[in-house]
Amino acid sequence: MSEEEESLLQFPCDFPIKVMGKAEPGFDALIVELVRKHAPDLHEGAVSSRSSKGGKWVSVTVTLRAESKSQIDAIYLDLTAHEKVVMAL
């Protein structure tokens, strides 16, 4: 079974990834750096962030133009392997 047959997504497509971690200076930039390794054409308007009610946590959403399932898988692997990332959805 090919990669395209395994996925419910049709590539290329816009794909949002939400990443959560402690609200620390530079967390947004770290997430962008990790995603850009796999999606170098990521543009500035593709990133948004939101702090938790108490301000201890932040979620960063990156919407990228995904070219394949393997690209998305590689991004998730890099994000979840980083010690500052608590969760990636």
N, C-alpha and C. Protein backbone atom coordinates (compact mmCIF):
# COMPACT_ATOMS: atom_id res chain seq x y z
N MET A 1 0.84 -1.17 0.00
CA MET A 1 0.00 0.00 0.00
C MET A 1 0.89 1.24 0.00
N SER A 2 0.63 2.17 -0.89
CA SER A 2 1.46 3.37 -0.99
C SER A 2 1.11 4.35 0.12
N GLU A 3 1.99 5.34 0.30
CA GLU A 3 1.78 6.36 1.33
C GLU A 3 0.47 7.10 1.10
N GLU A 4 0.13 7.39 -0.15
CA GLU A 4 -1.10 8.10 -0.46
C GLU A 4 -2.32 7.28 -0.08
N GLU A 5 -2.27 5.96 -0.29
CA GLU A 5 -3.40 5.10 0.04
C GLU A 5 -3.59 4.96 1.54
N GLU A 6 -2.51 5.09 2.33
CA GLU A 6 -2.58 4.96 3.77
C GLU A 6 -3.21 6.18 4.44
N SER A 7 -3.10 7.33 3.84
CA SER A 7 -3.52 8.59 4.45
C SER A 7 -4.91 8.99 4.00
N LEU A 8 -5.65 9.60 4.92
CA LEU A 8 -6.96 10.15 4.57
C LEU A 8 -6.82 11.55 3.98
N LEU A 9 -5.64 12.12 4.11
CA LEU A 9 -5.37 13.46 3.57
C LEU A 9 -4.98 13.36 2.11
N GLN A 10 -5.30 14.42 1.37
CA GLN A 10 -4.85 14.52 -0.02
C GLN A 10 -3.78 15.59 -0.07
N PHE A 11 -2.60 15.22 -0.53
CA PHE A 11 -1.47 16.13 -0.55
C PHE A 11 -1.29 16.75 -1.90
N PRO A 12 -0.79 17.98 -1.96
CA PRO A 12 -0.46 18.89 -0.85
C PRO A 12 -1.74 19.44 -0.21
N CYS A 13 -1.63 19.80 1.07
CA CYS A 13 -2.76 20.37 1.80
C CYS A 13 -2.25 21.27 2.92
N ASP A 14 -3.10 22.19 3.36
CA ASP A 14 -2.77 23.01 4.52
C ASP A 14 -3.02 22.17 5.76
N PHE A 15 -2.03 22.10 6.65
CA PHE A 15 -2.11 21.22 7.80
C PHE A 15 -1.70 21.97 9.06
N PRO A 16 -2.61 22.12 10.04
CA PRO A 16 -2.26 22.80 11.29
C PRO A 16 -1.64 21.83 12.30
N ILE A 17 -0.60 22.28 12.95
CA ILE A 17 0.03 21.52 14.03
C ILE A 17 0.03 22.40 15.27
N LYS A 18 -0.50 21.88 16.37
CA LYS A 18 -0.54 22.64 17.62
C LYS A 18 0.48 22.03 18.57
N VAL A 19 1.31 22.91 19.13
CA VAL A 19 2.39 22.48 20.02
C VAL A 19 2.25 23.21 21.35
N MET A 20 2.33 22.46 22.45
CA MET A 20 2.19 23.06 23.76
C MET A 20 3.46 22.91 24.60
N GLY A 21 3.72 23.93 25.39
CA GLY A 21 4.89 23.91 26.27
C GLY A 21 4.78 25.02 27.29
N LYS A 22 5.79 25.13 28.15
CA LYS A 22 5.82 26.19 29.15
C LYS A 22 6.00 27.54 28.46
N ALA A 23 5.36 28.55 28.99
CA ALA A 23 5.45 29.90 28.42
C ALA A 23 6.82 30.48 28.78
N GLU A 24 7.76 30.32 27.88
CA GLU A 24 9.12 30.83 28.06
C GLU A 24 9.48 31.68 26.85
N PRO A 25 10.35 32.68 27.05
CA PRO A 25 10.78 33.47 25.91
C PRO A 25 11.43 32.58 24.84
N GLY A 26 11.05 32.80 23.60
CA GLY A 26 11.65 32.06 22.50
C GLY A 26 10.99 30.74 22.16
N PHE A 27 9.93 30.36 22.88
CA PHE A 27 9.27 29.08 22.58
C PHE A 27 8.69 29.09 21.17
N ASP A 28 8.04 30.19 20.79
CA ASP A 28 7.48 30.30 19.43
C ASP A 28 8.57 30.12 18.38
N ALA A 29 9.69 30.81 18.57
CA ALA A 29 10.80 30.75 17.61
C ALA A 29 11.38 29.34 17.53
N LEU A 30 11.44 28.64 18.66
CA LEU A 30 11.93 27.27 18.67
C LEU A 30 11.04 26.37 17.83
N ILE A 31 9.74 26.51 17.98
CA ILE A 31 8.79 25.69 17.23
C ILE A 31 8.92 25.98 15.74
N VAL A 32 9.00 27.25 15.39
CA VAL A 32 9.15 27.62 13.98
C VAL A 32 10.44 27.03 13.41
N GLU A 33 11.52 27.08 14.16
CA GLU A 33 12.80 26.53 13.72
C GLU A 33 12.70 25.02 13.47
N LEU A 34 12.04 24.30 14.38
CA LEU A 34 11.89 22.86 14.23
C LEU A 34 11.04 22.50 13.02
N VAL A 35 9.97 23.26 12.80
CA VAL A 35 9.08 22.98 11.66
C VAL A 35 9.76 23.36 10.35
N ARG A 36 10.49 24.47 10.34
CA ARG A 36 11.15 24.95 9.11
C ARG A 36 12.19 23.97 8.57
N LYS A 37 12.73 23.11 9.42
CA LYS A 37 13.68 22.10 8.93
C LYS A 37 13.00 21.19 7.90
N HIS A 38 11.70 21.02 8.03
CA HIS A 38 10.95 20.12 7.15
C HIS A 38 10.05 20.88 6.18
N ALA A 39 9.78 22.14 6.47
CA ALA A 39 8.92 22.97 5.63
C ALA A 39 9.57 24.35 5.50
N PRO A 40 10.64 24.45 4.69
CA PRO A 40 11.40 25.70 4.61
C PRO A 40 10.61 26.89 4.05
N ASP A 41 9.52 26.64 3.36
CA ASP A 41 8.74 27.72 2.78
C ASP A 41 7.67 28.26 3.73
N LEU A 42 7.76 27.93 5.00
CA LEU A 42 6.82 28.40 6.01
C LEU A 42 6.87 29.93 6.08
N HIS A 43 5.71 30.58 6.03
CA HIS A 43 5.69 32.05 6.05
C HIS A 43 5.27 32.56 7.42
N GLU A 44 5.52 33.82 7.69
CA GLU A 44 5.30 34.43 9.00
C GLU A 44 3.84 34.34 9.47
N GLY A 45 2.89 34.51 8.58
CA GLY A 45 1.48 34.47 8.96
C GLY A 45 0.98 33.08 9.31
N ALA A 46 1.84 32.09 9.22
CA ALA A 46 1.45 30.70 9.46
C ALA A 46 1.52 30.33 10.94
N VAL A 47 1.92 31.24 11.79
CA VAL A 47 2.16 30.92 13.20
C VAL A 47 1.28 31.81 14.09
N SER A 48 0.61 31.18 15.04
CA SER A 48 -0.13 31.94 16.05
C SER A 48 0.09 31.27 17.40
N SER A 49 -0.06 32.04 18.47
CA SER A 49 0.14 31.47 19.80
C SER A 49 -0.92 31.99 20.75
N ARG A 50 -1.13 31.20 21.81
CA ARG A 50 -2.13 31.55 22.80
C ARG A 50 -1.65 31.07 24.16
N SER A 51 -1.69 31.96 25.13
CA SER A 51 -1.28 31.62 26.49
C SER A 51 -2.44 31.01 27.26
N SER A 52 -2.12 30.18 28.23
CA SER A 52 -3.14 29.61 29.09
C SER A 52 -3.70 30.69 30.01
N LYS A 53 -4.80 30.38 30.65
CA LYS A 53 -5.46 31.34 31.53
C LYS A 53 -4.51 31.84 32.62
N GLY A 54 -3.72 30.94 33.19
CA GLY A 54 -2.79 31.33 34.24
C GLY A 54 -1.47 31.85 33.72
N GLY A 55 -1.23 31.74 32.42
CA GLY A 55 0.00 32.25 31.83
C GLY A 55 1.21 31.34 31.96
N LYS A 56 1.02 30.14 32.51
CA LYS A 56 2.15 29.22 32.69
C LYS A 56 2.47 28.45 31.40
N TRP A 57 1.47 28.22 30.58
CA TRP A 57 1.62 27.42 29.37
C TRP A 57 1.28 28.23 28.13
N VAL A 58 1.77 27.78 27.00
CA VAL A 58 1.46 28.43 25.72
C VAL A 58 1.23 27.35 24.67
N SER A 59 0.31 27.63 23.77
CA SER A 59 0.13 26.74 22.62
C SER A 59 0.47 27.54 21.36
N VAL A 60 1.24 26.91 20.50
CA VAL A 60 1.66 27.53 19.25
C VAL A 60 1.07 26.69 18.12
N THR A 61 0.34 27.34 17.23
CA THR A 61 -0.24 26.65 16.08
C THR A 61 0.51 27.08 14.84
N VAL A 62 1.01 26.10 14.11
CA VAL A 62 1.72 26.34 12.85
C VAL A 62 0.92 25.68 11.75
N THR A 63 0.50 26.46 10.76
CA THR A 63 -0.22 25.90 9.62
C THR A 63 0.74 25.91 8.43
N LEU A 64 1.04 24.71 7.95
CA LEU A 64 2.00 24.59 6.86
C LEU A 64 1.36 23.93 5.65
N ARG A 65 2.00 24.07 4.53
CA ARG A 65 1.57 23.40 3.30
C ARG A 65 2.28 22.05 3.28
N ALA A 66 1.58 21.00 3.72
CA ALA A 66 2.16 19.67 3.81
C ALA A 66 2.20 19.01 2.44
N GLU A 67 3.35 18.42 2.14
CA GLU A 67 3.54 17.76 0.84
C GLU A 67 3.35 16.25 0.91
N SER A 68 3.51 15.67 2.12
CA SER A 68 3.38 14.21 2.25
C SER A 68 3.17 13.82 3.71
N LYS A 69 2.70 12.61 3.91
CA LYS A 69 2.54 12.07 5.26
C LYS A 69 3.90 11.92 5.94
N SER A 70 4.90 11.53 5.19
CA SER A 70 6.23 11.37 5.78
C SER A 70 6.78 12.71 6.28
N GLN A 71 6.47 13.80 5.59
CA GLN A 71 6.89 15.13 6.05
C GLN A 71 6.22 15.45 7.39
N ILE A 72 4.94 15.20 7.50
CA ILE A 72 4.21 15.47 8.75
C ILE A 72 4.76 14.59 9.87
N ASP A 73 4.99 13.32 9.58
CA ASP A 73 5.54 12.40 10.58
C ASP A 73 6.90 12.88 11.09
N ALA A 74 7.75 13.34 10.18
CA ALA A 74 9.09 13.83 10.57
C ALA A 74 8.98 15.07 11.45
N ILE A 75 8.04 15.95 11.16
CA ILE A 75 7.84 17.15 11.97
C ILE A 75 7.41 16.75 13.38
N TYR A 76 6.42 15.86 13.48
CA TYR A 76 5.96 15.41 14.79
C TYR A 76 7.08 14.73 15.58
N LEU A 77 7.91 13.94 14.92
CA LEU A 77 9.02 13.29 15.61
C LEU A 77 9.99 14.31 16.20
N ASP A 78 10.35 15.32 15.41
CA ASP A 78 11.27 16.36 15.90
C ASP A 78 10.65 17.16 17.05
N LEU A 79 9.38 17.50 16.89
CA LEU A 79 8.72 18.30 17.93
C LEU A 79 8.62 17.53 19.25
N THR A 80 8.14 16.31 19.19
CA THR A 80 7.93 15.54 20.43
C THR A 80 9.25 15.10 21.06
N ALA A 81 10.34 15.08 20.31
CA ALA A 81 11.64 14.70 20.85
C ALA A 81 12.28 15.86 21.64
N HIS A 82 11.82 17.08 21.42
CA HIS A 82 12.44 18.23 22.08
C HIS A 82 11.95 18.34 23.52
N GLU A 83 12.87 18.61 24.44
CA GLU A 83 12.53 18.63 25.87
C GLU A 83 11.60 19.75 26.28
N LYS A 84 11.52 20.82 25.50
CA LYS A 84 10.62 21.93 25.86
C LYS A 84 9.19 21.73 25.37
N VAL A 85 8.99 20.75 24.51
CA VAL A 85 7.66 20.47 23.98
C VAL A 85 6.97 19.46 24.89
N VAL A 86 5.80 19.85 25.42
CA VAL A 86 5.04 18.95 26.28
C VAL A 86 4.13 18.05 25.43
N MET A 87 3.53 18.63 24.38
CA MET A 87 2.60 17.88 23.55
C MET A 87 2.50 18.51 22.16
N ALA A 88 2.29 17.68 21.16
CA ALA A 88 2.05 18.16 19.81
C ALA A 88 0.84 17.42 19.25
N LEU A 89 -0.08 18.18 18.72
CA LEU A 89 -1.32 17.61 18.14
C LEU A 89 -1.41 17.95 16.68
